[in-house]
Amino acid sequence: MELKLAKLLVTVLEDHGEEASIYEDYSGRGMYGGVTVGVSTSAYLSTIMTCIIVAADQFVDYNNEPLFRDMDTLRSDSLGVGFILY
């Protein structure tokens, strides 16, 4: 995930009353040591999906760039009591 998208997603999650933080060097499942930016949150999955939709709308409007090229590679891992999106 790009850092600017991660920052926007954190902002949208926080606007919905959720805690979220950025990990700039997350290595997810199957990345074999590669790293990317991740967003960690304990929000419910339905809230995360709502925030992704809101972020997608804002990302396209304010940056005039399509988000969809990142959406097809968006992944998540369970952290026990939360998720990390990357």
C-alpha atoms as a PDB file:
ATOM      1  CA  MET A   1       0.000   0.000   0.000  1.00  0.00           C
ATOM      2  CA  GLU A   2       1.253   3.490  -0.752  1.00  0.00           C
ATOM      3  CA  LEU A   3       2.015   5.702   2.246  1.00  0.00           C
ATOM      4  CA  LYS A   4      -0.392   8.443   1.116  1.00  0.00           C
ATOM      5  CA  LEU A   5      -3.226   5.914   0.918  1.00  0.00           C
ATOM      6  CA  ALA A   6      -2.331   4.537   4.356  1.00  0.00           C
ATOM      7  CA  LYS A   7      -2.404   8.037   5.858  1.00  0.00           C
ATOM      8  CA  LEU A   8      -5.795   8.713   4.295  1.00  0.00           C
ATOM      9  CA  LEU A   9      -7.166   5.398   5.560  1.00  0.00           C
ATOM     10  CA  VAL A  10      -5.954   6.145   9.096  1.00  0.00           C
ATOM     11  CA  THR A  11      -7.609   9.566   8.946  1.00  0.00           C
ATOM     12  CA  VAL A  12     -10.912   8.084   7.773  1.00  0.00           C
ATOM     13  CA  LEU A  13     -10.805   5.356  10.445  1.00  0.00           C
ATOM     14  CA  GLU A  14     -10.111   7.959  13.129  1.00  0.00           C
ATOM     15  CA  ASP A  15     -12.959  10.118  11.773  1.00  0.00           C
ATOM     16  CA  HIS A  16     -15.209   7.087  12.374  1.00  0.00           C
ATOM     17  CA  GLY A  17     -14.026   6.853  15.988  1.00  0.00           C
ATOM     18  CA  GLU A  18     -11.564   4.011  15.489  1.00  0.00           C
ATOM     19  CA  GLU A  19      -7.918   3.796  16.461  1.00  0.00           C
ATOM     20  CA  ALA A  20      -5.485   3.100  13.643  1.00  0.00           C
ATOM     21  CA  SER A  21      -1.752   3.321  13.116  1.00  0.00           C
ATOM     22  CA  ILE A  22       0.710   3.022  10.260  1.00  0.00           C
ATOM     23  CA  TYR A  23       3.472   0.448   9.982  1.00  0.00           C
ATOM     24  CA  GLU A  24       5.918   1.565   7.301  1.00  0.00           C
ATOM     25  CA  ASP A  25       7.840  -1.711   7.159  1.00  0.00           C
ATOM     26  CA  TYR A  26       5.261  -4.467   7.460  1.00  0.00           C
ATOM     27  CA  SER A  27       6.074  -7.859   5.967  1.00  0.00           C
ATOM     28  CA  GLY A  28       2.869  -9.788   5.324  1.00  0.00           C
ATOM     29  CA  ARG A  29       2.180 -13.427   4.659  1.00  0.00           C
ATOM     30  CA  GLY A  30       3.780 -14.677   1.495  1.00  0.00           C
ATOM     31  CA  MET A  31       5.925 -11.552   1.031  1.00  0.00           C
ATOM     32  CA  TYR A  32       9.109 -13.522   1.718  1.00  0.00           C
ATOM     33  CA  GLY A  33      10.861 -10.688   3.524  1.00  0.00           C
ATOM     34  CA  GLY A  34       9.542  -7.897   1.309  1.00  0.00           C
ATOM     35  CA  VAL A  35       8.079  -4.921   3.134  1.00  0.00           C
ATOM     36  CA  THR A  36       5.220  -2.526   2.529  1.00  0.00           C
ATOM     37  CA  VAL A  37       3.141   0.040   4.385  1.00  0.00           C
ATOM     38  CA  GLY A  38       0.345  -1.343   6.553  1.00  0.00           C
ATOM     39  CA  VAL A  39      -2.521   0.088   8.584  1.00  0.00           C
ATOM     40  CA  SER A  40      -3.293  -1.584  11.909  1.00  0.00           C
ATOM     41  CA  THR A  41      -6.723  -1.273  13.536  1.00  0.00           C
ATOM     42  CA  SER A  42      -9.039  -3.144  15.884  1.00  0.00           C
ATOM     43  CA  ALA A  43     -12.153  -1.898  14.073  1.00  0.00           C
ATOM     44  CA  TYR A  44     -14.835  -4.335  12.970  1.00  0.00           C
ATOM     45  CA  LEU A  45     -14.482  -5.589   9.423  1.00  0.00           C
ATOM     46  CA  SER A  46     -17.702  -3.818   8.389  1.00  0.00           C
ATOM     47  CA  THR A  47     -16.281  -0.511   9.648  1.00  0.00           C
ATOM     48  CA  ILE A  48     -13.004  -1.130   7.829  1.00  0.00           C
ATOM     49  CA  MET A  49     -14.875  -1.792   4.574  1.00  0.00           C
ATOM     50  CA  THR A  50     -16.922   1.392   5.016  1.00  0.00           C
ATOM     51  CA  CYS A  51     -13.755   3.380   5.627  1.00  0.00           C
ATOM     52  CA  ILE A  52     -12.074   1.880   2.554  1.00  0.00           C
ATOM     53  CA  ILE A  53     -15.028   3.027   0.437  1.00  0.00           C
ATOM     54  CA  VAL A  54     -14.882   6.528   1.956  1.00  0.00           C
ATOM     55  CA  ALA A  55     -11.103   6.673   1.476  1.00  0.00           C
ATOM     56  CA  ALA A  56     -11.443   5.496  -2.127  1.00  0.00           C
ATOM     57  CA  ASP A  57     -13.915   8.286  -2.846  1.00  0.00           C
ATOM     58  CA  GLN A  58     -11.685  10.919  -1.208  1.00  0.00           C
ATOM     59  CA  PHE A  59      -8.506   9.591  -2.828  1.00  0.00           C
ATOM     60  CA  VAL A  60      -9.960   9.888  -6.311  1.00  0.00           C
ATOM     61  CA  ASP A  61     -11.542  13.294  -5.654  1.00  0.00           C
ATOM     62  CA  TYR A  62      -8.579  15.039  -4.062  1.00  0.00           C
ATOM     63  CA  ASN A  63      -5.671  13.479  -5.917  1.00  0.00           C
ATOM     64  CA  ASN A  64      -7.334  12.886  -9.273  1.00  0.00           C
ATOM     65  CA  GLU A  65      -5.727   9.438  -9.332  1.00  0.00           C
ATOM     66  CA  PRO A  66      -7.478   6.078  -9.484  1.00  0.00           C
ATOM     67  CA  LEU A  67      -7.329   4.021  -6.309  1.00  0.00           C
ATOM     68  CA  PHE A  68      -8.329   0.821  -8.037  1.00  0.00           C
ATOM     69  CA  ARG A  69      -4.781  -0.113  -9.013  1.00  0.00           C
ATOM     70  CA  ASP A  70      -4.017  -0.471  -5.283  1.00  0.00           C
ATOM     71  CA  MET A  71      -7.337  -2.088  -4.369  1.00  0.00           C
ATOM     72  CA  ASP A  72      -6.633  -5.281  -6.308  1.00  0.00           C
ATOM     73  CA  THR A  73      -3.498  -5.871  -4.240  1.00  0.00           C
ATOM     74  CA  LEU A  74      -4.934  -4.889  -0.828  1.00  0.00           C
ATOM     75  CA  ARG A  75      -4.449  -7.703   1.681  1.00  0.00           C
ATOM     76  CA  SER A  76      -5.086  -8.171   5.392  1.00  0.00           C
ATOM     77  CA  ASP A  77      -3.745 -10.281   8.217  1.00  0.00           C
ATOM     78  CA  SER A  78      -5.478 -11.020  11.487  1.00  0.00           C
ATOM     79  CA  LEU A  79      -3.686  -9.766  14.571  1.00  0.00           C
ATOM     80  CA  GLY A  80      -5.849 -11.638  17.066  1.00  0.00           C
ATOM     81  CA  VAL A  81      -7.922  -8.646  18.212  1.00  0.00           C
ATOM     82  CA  GLY A  82      -7.503  -6.605  15.078  1.00  0.00           C
ATOM     83  CA  PHE A  83      -6.358  -6.442  11.501  1.00  0.00           C
ATOM     84  CA  ILE A  84      -3.533  -5.014   9.484  1.00  0.00           C
ATOM     85  CA  LEU A  85      -4.287  -3.933   5.944  1.00  0.00           C
ATOM     86  CA  TYR A  86      -1.371  -3.830   3.518  1.00  0.00           C
END
